[in-house]
Amino acid sequence: MSPMAILSLILFFLISMSTPSASLKDTLTAYEVLEEYDFPVGILPKGVLGYELDTSTGKFSVYLNGSCTFSIDSYELKYKSTITGIIAKDKLSSLSGIKVKVLFLWLSIVTVTRDDDELEFSVGIASADFPVSNFTESPTCGCGFDCVSGNGRKMKLNNLVSSS
């Protein structure tokens, strides 16, 4: 066998070995990527159109079909059509594109951290902890969890925003 044929065989082998994992990564949804980093799917609303993720830095962008607003108990949430940040295991940081209304103010959620069965949402100057179990389902834009005749699942929020 000629050296060129051997080189071709080696290249073919290397390419065929790397292709399945690359195509598998490309087929993951944004919700599945969240789960790979130990986050529940419900921190994103239903209807994500796509995402970009640089696995070497954790920088990501998530794309929705327009802005998204909904209420969950006493909180009103707004997602822009593009959400950006940095993802690592158990931590979303440098978030942009998600706001929560606290009293009369709209505050940007800048960090989400998972600690065992709790998620801490930080707006910089304050934070609130909620059980991970509250986020097993994704809310729907416009109606949150109360979309079907008002009989949707209700999220139990135990804590109001408290100082960090």
C-alpha atoms as a PDB file:
ATOM      1  CA  MET A   1       0.000   0.000   0.000  1.00  0.00           C
ATOM      2  CA  SER A   2       1.357   3.406  -0.893  1.00  0.00           C
ATOM      3  CA  PRO A   3       2.118   6.064   1.762  1.00  0.00           C
ATOM      4  CA  MET A   4      -0.630   8.253   0.228  1.00  0.00           C
ATOM      5  CA  ALA A   5      -3.210   5.467   0.584  1.00  0.00           C
ATOM      6  CA  ILE A   6      -2.204   4.895   4.217  1.00  0.00           C
ATOM      7  CA  LEU A   7      -2.482   8.628   4.931  1.00  0.00           C
ATOM      8  CA  SER A   8      -5.916   8.694   3.284  1.00  0.00           C
ATOM      9  CA  LEU A   9      -7.045   5.731   5.375  1.00  0.00           C
ATOM     10  CA  ILE A  10      -5.826   7.371   8.587  1.00  0.00           C
ATOM     11  CA  LEU A  11      -7.567  10.658   7.726  1.00  0.00           C
ATOM     12  CA  PHE A  12     -10.781   8.809   6.853  1.00  0.00           C
ATOM     13  CA  PHE A  13     -10.616   6.918  10.156  1.00  0.00           C
ATOM     14  CA  LEU A  14     -10.027  10.096  12.186  1.00  0.00           C
ATOM     15  CA  ILE A  15     -12.828  11.983  10.442  1.00  0.00           C
ATOM     16  CA  SER A  16     -15.297   9.127  10.829  1.00  0.00           C
ATOM     17  CA  MET A  17     -14.437   8.815  14.540  1.00  0.00           C
ATOM     18  CA  SER A  18     -15.006  12.508  15.241  1.00  0.00           C
ATOM     19  CA  THR A  19     -18.166  12.967  13.171  1.00  0.00           C
ATOM     20  CA  PRO A  20     -20.661  11.109  15.416  1.00  0.00           C
ATOM     21  CA  SER A  21     -19.845  13.186  18.506  1.00  0.00           C
ATOM     22  CA  ALA A  22     -19.910  16.426  16.514  1.00  0.00           C
ATOM     23  CA  SER A  23     -23.271  15.624  14.961  1.00  0.00           C
ATOM     24  CA  LEU A  24     -24.617  14.490  18.348  1.00  0.00           C
ATOM     25  CA  LYS A  25     -23.684  17.879  19.858  1.00  0.00           C
ATOM     26  CA  ASP A  26     -25.350  19.646  16.940  1.00  0.00           C
ATOM     27  CA  THR A  27     -28.624  17.809  17.564  1.00  0.00           C
ATOM     28  CA  LEU A  28     -28.972  18.736  21.244  1.00  0.00           C
ATOM     29  CA  THR A  29     -31.698  21.243  22.018  1.00  0.00           C
ATOM     30  CA  ALA A  30     -31.044  24.248  24.239  1.00  0.00           C
ATOM     31  CA  TYR A  31     -33.032  22.453  26.947  1.00  0.00           C
ATOM     32  CA  GLU A  32     -30.800  19.362  26.697  1.00  0.00           C
ATOM     33  CA  VAL A  33     -27.705  21.561  26.909  1.00  0.00           C
ATOM     34  CA  LEU A  34     -29.087  23.067  30.133  1.00  0.00           C
ATOM     35  CA  GLU A  35     -29.460  19.568  31.547  1.00  0.00           C
ATOM     36  CA  GLU A  36     -25.866  18.714  30.578  1.00  0.00           C
ATOM     37  CA  TYR A  37     -24.763  21.615  32.793  1.00  0.00           C
ATOM     38  CA  ASP A  38     -27.061  20.440  35.643  1.00  0.00           C
ATOM     39  CA  PHE A  39     -29.866  22.979  35.131  1.00  0.00           C
ATOM     40  CA  PRO A  40     -33.578  22.209  34.782  1.00  0.00           C
ATOM     41  CA  VAL A  41     -35.291  22.954  31.450  1.00  0.00           C
ATOM     42  CA  GLY A  42     -37.823  25.296  33.083  1.00  0.00           C
ATOM     43  CA  ILE A  43     -35.432  28.228  33.390  1.00  0.00           C
ATOM     44  CA  LEU A  44     -36.107  28.786  29.679  1.00  0.00           C
ATOM     45  CA  PRO A  45     -39.604  29.336  28.308  1.00  0.00           C
ATOM     46  CA  LYS A  46     -41.076  27.044  25.654  1.00  0.00           C
ATOM     47  CA  GLY A  47     -40.322  27.892  22.057  1.00  0.00           C
ATOM     48  CA  VAL A  48     -36.545  28.284  21.850  1.00  0.00           C
ATOM     49  CA  LEU A  49     -35.715  28.526  18.141  1.00  0.00           C
ATOM     50  CA  GLY A  50     -32.014  27.795  18.475  1.00  0.00           C
ATOM     51  CA  TYR A  51     -28.793  28.538  20.276  1.00  0.00           C
ATOM     52  CA  GLU A  52     -25.064  28.986  19.868  1.00  0.00           C
ATOM     53  CA  LEU A  53     -22.550  27.663  22.384  1.00  0.00           C
ATOM     54  CA  ASP A  54     -18.785  27.978  22.473  1.00  0.00           C
ATOM     55  CA  THR A  55     -17.899  24.973  24.635  1.00  0.00           C
ATOM     56  CA  SER A  56     -14.340  26.218  25.166  1.00  0.00           C
ATOM     57  CA  THR A  57     -15.488  29.468  26.860  1.00  0.00           C
ATOM     58  CA  GLY A  58     -19.086  28.672  27.842  1.00  0.00           C
ATOM     59  CA  LYS A  59     -20.363  31.755  26.000  1.00  0.00           C
ATOM     60  CA  PHE A  60     -23.857  31.185  24.671  1.00  0.00           C
ATOM     61  CA  SER A  61     -26.761  32.855  22.904  1.00  0.00           C
ATOM     62  CA  VAL A  62     -30.322  31.516  22.986  1.00  0.00           C
ATOM     63  CA  TYR A  63     -32.891  32.689  20.437  1.00  0.00           C
ATOM     64  CA  LEU A  64     -36.636  33.007  21.039  1.00  0.00           C
ATOM     65  CA  ASN A  65     -39.306  33.944  18.511  1.00  0.00           C
ATOM     66  CA  GLY A  66     -39.609  37.516  19.842  1.00  0.00           C
ATOM     67  CA  SER A  67     -39.716  38.793  23.395  1.00  0.00           C
ATOM     68  CA  CYS A  68     -41.546  36.756  26.005  1.00  0.00           C
ATOM     69  CA  THR A  69     -43.392  37.961  29.110  1.00  0.00           C
ATOM     70  CA  PHE A  70     -45.314  35.957  31.692  1.00  0.00           C
ATOM     71  CA  SER A  71     -46.220  35.994  35.368  1.00  0.00           C
ATOM     72  CA  ILE A  72     -45.513  33.336  37.954  1.00  0.00           C
ATOM     73  CA  ASP A  73     -47.247  34.045  41.237  1.00  0.00           C
ATOM     74  CA  SER A  74     -46.155  37.545  42.288  1.00  0.00           C
ATOM     75  CA  TYR A  75     -43.256  37.763  39.805  1.00  0.00           C
ATOM     76  CA  GLU A  76     -43.414  39.050  36.254  1.00  0.00           C
ATOM     77  CA  LEU A  77     -40.620  37.898  33.947  1.00  0.00           C
ATOM     78  CA  LYS A  78     -39.409  39.278  30.613  1.00  0.00           C
ATOM     79  CA  TYR A  79     -37.138  37.439  28.201  1.00  0.00           C
ATOM     80  CA  LYS A  80     -35.712  39.312  25.216  1.00  0.00           C
ATOM     81  CA  SER A  81     -35.600  37.533  21.874  1.00  0.00           C
ATOM     82  CA  THR A  82     -31.886  36.893  22.457  1.00  0.00           C
ATOM     83  CA  ILE A  83     -30.481  35.770  25.800  1.00  0.00           C
ATOM     84  CA  THR A  84     -26.718  35.677  26.288  1.00  0.00           C
ATOM     85  CA  GLY A  85     -24.325  34.655  29.017  1.00  0.00           C
ATOM     86  CA  ILE A  86     -21.728  32.165  30.121  1.00  0.00           C
ATOM     87  CA  ILE A  87     -22.631  28.626  31.165  1.00  0.00           C
ATOM     88  CA  ALA A  88     -20.621  26.294  33.379  1.00  0.00           C
ATOM     89  CA  LYS A  89     -21.676  23.366  35.520  1.00  0.00           C
ATOM     90  CA  ASP A  90     -24.155  24.694  38.093  1.00  0.00           C
ATOM     91  CA  LYS A  91     -23.634  28.364  37.107  1.00  0.00           C
ATOM     92  CA  LEU A  92     -25.029  30.800  34.542  1.00  0.00           C
ATOM     93  CA  SER A  93     -23.245  34.146  34.681  1.00  0.00           C
ATOM     94  CA  SER A  94     -22.997  37.443  32.796  1.00  0.00           C
ATOM     95  CA  LEU A  95     -26.632  36.959  31.804  1.00  0.00           C
ATOM     96  CA  SER A  96     -28.292  39.467  29.540  1.00  0.00           C
ATOM     97  CA  GLY A  97     -31.867  39.449  28.277  1.00  0.00           C
ATOM     98  CA  ILE A  98     -33.830  38.272  31.348  1.00  0.00           C
ATOM     99  CA  LYS A  99     -35.606  40.650  33.729  1.00  0.00           C
ATOM    100  CA  VAL A 100     -37.822  40.193  36.758  1.00  0.00           C
ATOM    101  CA  LYS A 101     -40.225  42.749  38.182  1.00  0.00           C
ATOM    102  CA  VAL A 102     -39.705  43.200  41.910  1.00  0.00           C
ATOM    103  CA  LEU A 103     -42.209  45.569  43.460  1.00  0.00           C
ATOM    104  CA  PHE A 104     -42.162  48.403  40.896  1.00  0.00           C
ATOM    105  CA  LEU A 105     -38.704  47.868  39.428  1.00  0.00           C
ATOM    106  CA  TRP A 106     -37.515  45.763  36.500  1.00  0.00           C
ATOM    107  CA  LEU A 107     -34.199  44.164  37.482  1.00  0.00           C
ATOM    108  CA  SER A 108     -31.888  42.110  35.272  1.00  0.00           C
ATOM    109  CA  ILE A 109     -31.171  38.568  36.391  1.00  0.00           C
ATOM    110  CA  VAL A 110     -27.387  38.391  36.059  1.00  0.00           C
ATOM    111  CA  THR A 111     -26.511  35.045  37.641  1.00  0.00           C
ATOM    112  CA  VAL A 112     -28.229  31.728  38.296  1.00  0.00           C
ATOM    113  CA  THR A 113     -26.420  29.248  40.532  1.00  0.00           C
ATOM    114  CA  ARG A 114     -27.427  25.709  41.410  1.00  0.00           C
ATOM    115  CA  ASP A 115     -26.607  24.411  44.893  1.00  0.00           C
ATOM    116  CA  ASP A 116     -27.954  20.859  45.304  1.00  0.00           C
ATOM    117  CA  ASP A 117     -31.748  21.165  45.002  1.00  0.00           C
ATOM    118  CA  GLU A 118     -31.860  24.975  45.085  1.00  0.00           C
ATOM    119  CA  LEU A 119     -31.472  27.602  42.366  1.00  0.00           C
ATOM    120  CA  GLU A 120     -30.298  31.069  43.366  1.00  0.00           C
ATOM    121  CA  PHE A 121     -31.322  33.902  41.041  1.00  0.00           C
ATOM    122  CA  SER A 122     -29.232  37.031  41.504  1.00  0.00           C
ATOM    123  CA  VAL A 123     -30.022  40.547  40.295  1.00  0.00           C
ATOM    124  CA  GLY A 124     -26.665  41.818  41.530  1.00  0.00           C
ATOM    125  CA  ILE A 125     -27.689  43.565  44.743  1.00  0.00           C
ATOM    126  CA  ALA A 126     -30.104  40.866  45.896  1.00  0.00           C
ATOM    127  CA  SER A 127     -30.983  37.256  45.263  1.00  0.00           C
ATOM    128  CA  ALA A 128     -33.689  34.672  45.876  1.00  0.00           C
ATOM    129  CA  ASP A 129     -33.527  30.887  46.233  1.00  0.00           C
ATOM    130  CA  PHE A 130     -36.116  28.477  44.823  1.00  0.00           C
ATOM    131  CA  PRO A 131     -36.367  24.681  44.696  1.00  0.00           C
ATOM    132  CA  VAL A 132     -35.099  23.117  41.463  1.00  0.00           C
ATOM    133  CA  SER A 133     -38.370  21.159  41.378  1.00  0.00           C
ATOM    134  CA  ASN A 134     -40.158  24.420  40.494  1.00  0.00           C
ATOM    135  CA  PHE A 135     -38.405  24.395  37.124  1.00  0.00           C
ATOM    136  CA  THR A 136     -39.081  20.903  35.767  1.00  0.00           C
ATOM    137  CA  GLU A 137     -41.431  22.352  33.122  1.00  0.00           C
ATOM    138  CA  SER A 138     -40.870  25.304  30.810  1.00  0.00           C
ATOM    139  CA  PRO A 139     -43.368  28.160  31.114  1.00  0.00           C
ATOM    140  CA  THR A 140     -45.242  29.395  28.058  1.00  0.00           C
ATOM    141  CA  CYS A 141     -44.838  32.968  26.853  1.00  0.00           C
ATOM    142  CA  GLY A 142     -47.905  35.037  27.680  1.00  0.00           C
ATOM    143  CA  CYS A 143     -49.397  32.738  30.309  1.00  0.00           C
ATOM    144  CA  GLY A 144     -46.588  31.026  32.241  1.00  0.00           C
ATOM    145  CA  PHE A 145     -48.049  27.835  33.745  1.00  0.00           C
ATOM    146  CA  ASP A 146     -51.690  29.002  33.637  1.00  0.00           C
ATOM    147  CA  CYS A 147     -52.323  28.457  29.929  1.00  0.00           C
ATOM    148  CA  VAL A 148     -55.117  25.911  29.827  1.00  0.00           C
ATOM    149  CA  SER A 149     -58.305  27.401  31.277  1.00  0.00           C
ATOM    150  CA  GLY A 150     -56.386  28.698  34.273  1.00  0.00           C
ATOM    151  CA  ASN A 151     -55.760  25.107  35.438  1.00  0.00           C
ATOM    152  CA  GLY A 152     -52.050  24.978  34.665  1.00  0.00           C
ATOM    153  CA  ARG A 153     -49.400  24.039  37.188  1.00  0.00           C
ATOM    154  CA  LYS A 154     -48.749  26.674  39.817  1.00  0.00           C
ATOM    155  CA  MET A 155     -45.177  27.367  40.820  1.00  0.00           C
ATOM    156  CA  LYS A 156     -44.605  27.529  44.561  1.00  0.00           C
ATOM    157  CA  LEU A 157     -42.358  30.458  45.364  1.00  0.00           C
ATOM    158  CA  ASN A 158     -41.436  30.524  49.011  1.00  0.00           C
ATOM    159  CA  ASN A 159     -38.997  33.411  49.162  1.00  0.00           C
ATOM    160  CA  LEU A 160     -39.243  36.985  48.153  1.00  0.00           C
ATOM    161  CA  VAL A 161     -36.045  38.701  47.097  1.00  0.00           C
ATOM    162  CA  SER A 162     -33.616  38.956  49.980  1.00  0.00           C
ATOM    163  CA  SER A 163     -30.265  40.631  50.322  1.00  0.00           C
ATOM    164  CA  SER A 164     -27.182  38.686  49.228  1.00  0.00           C
END
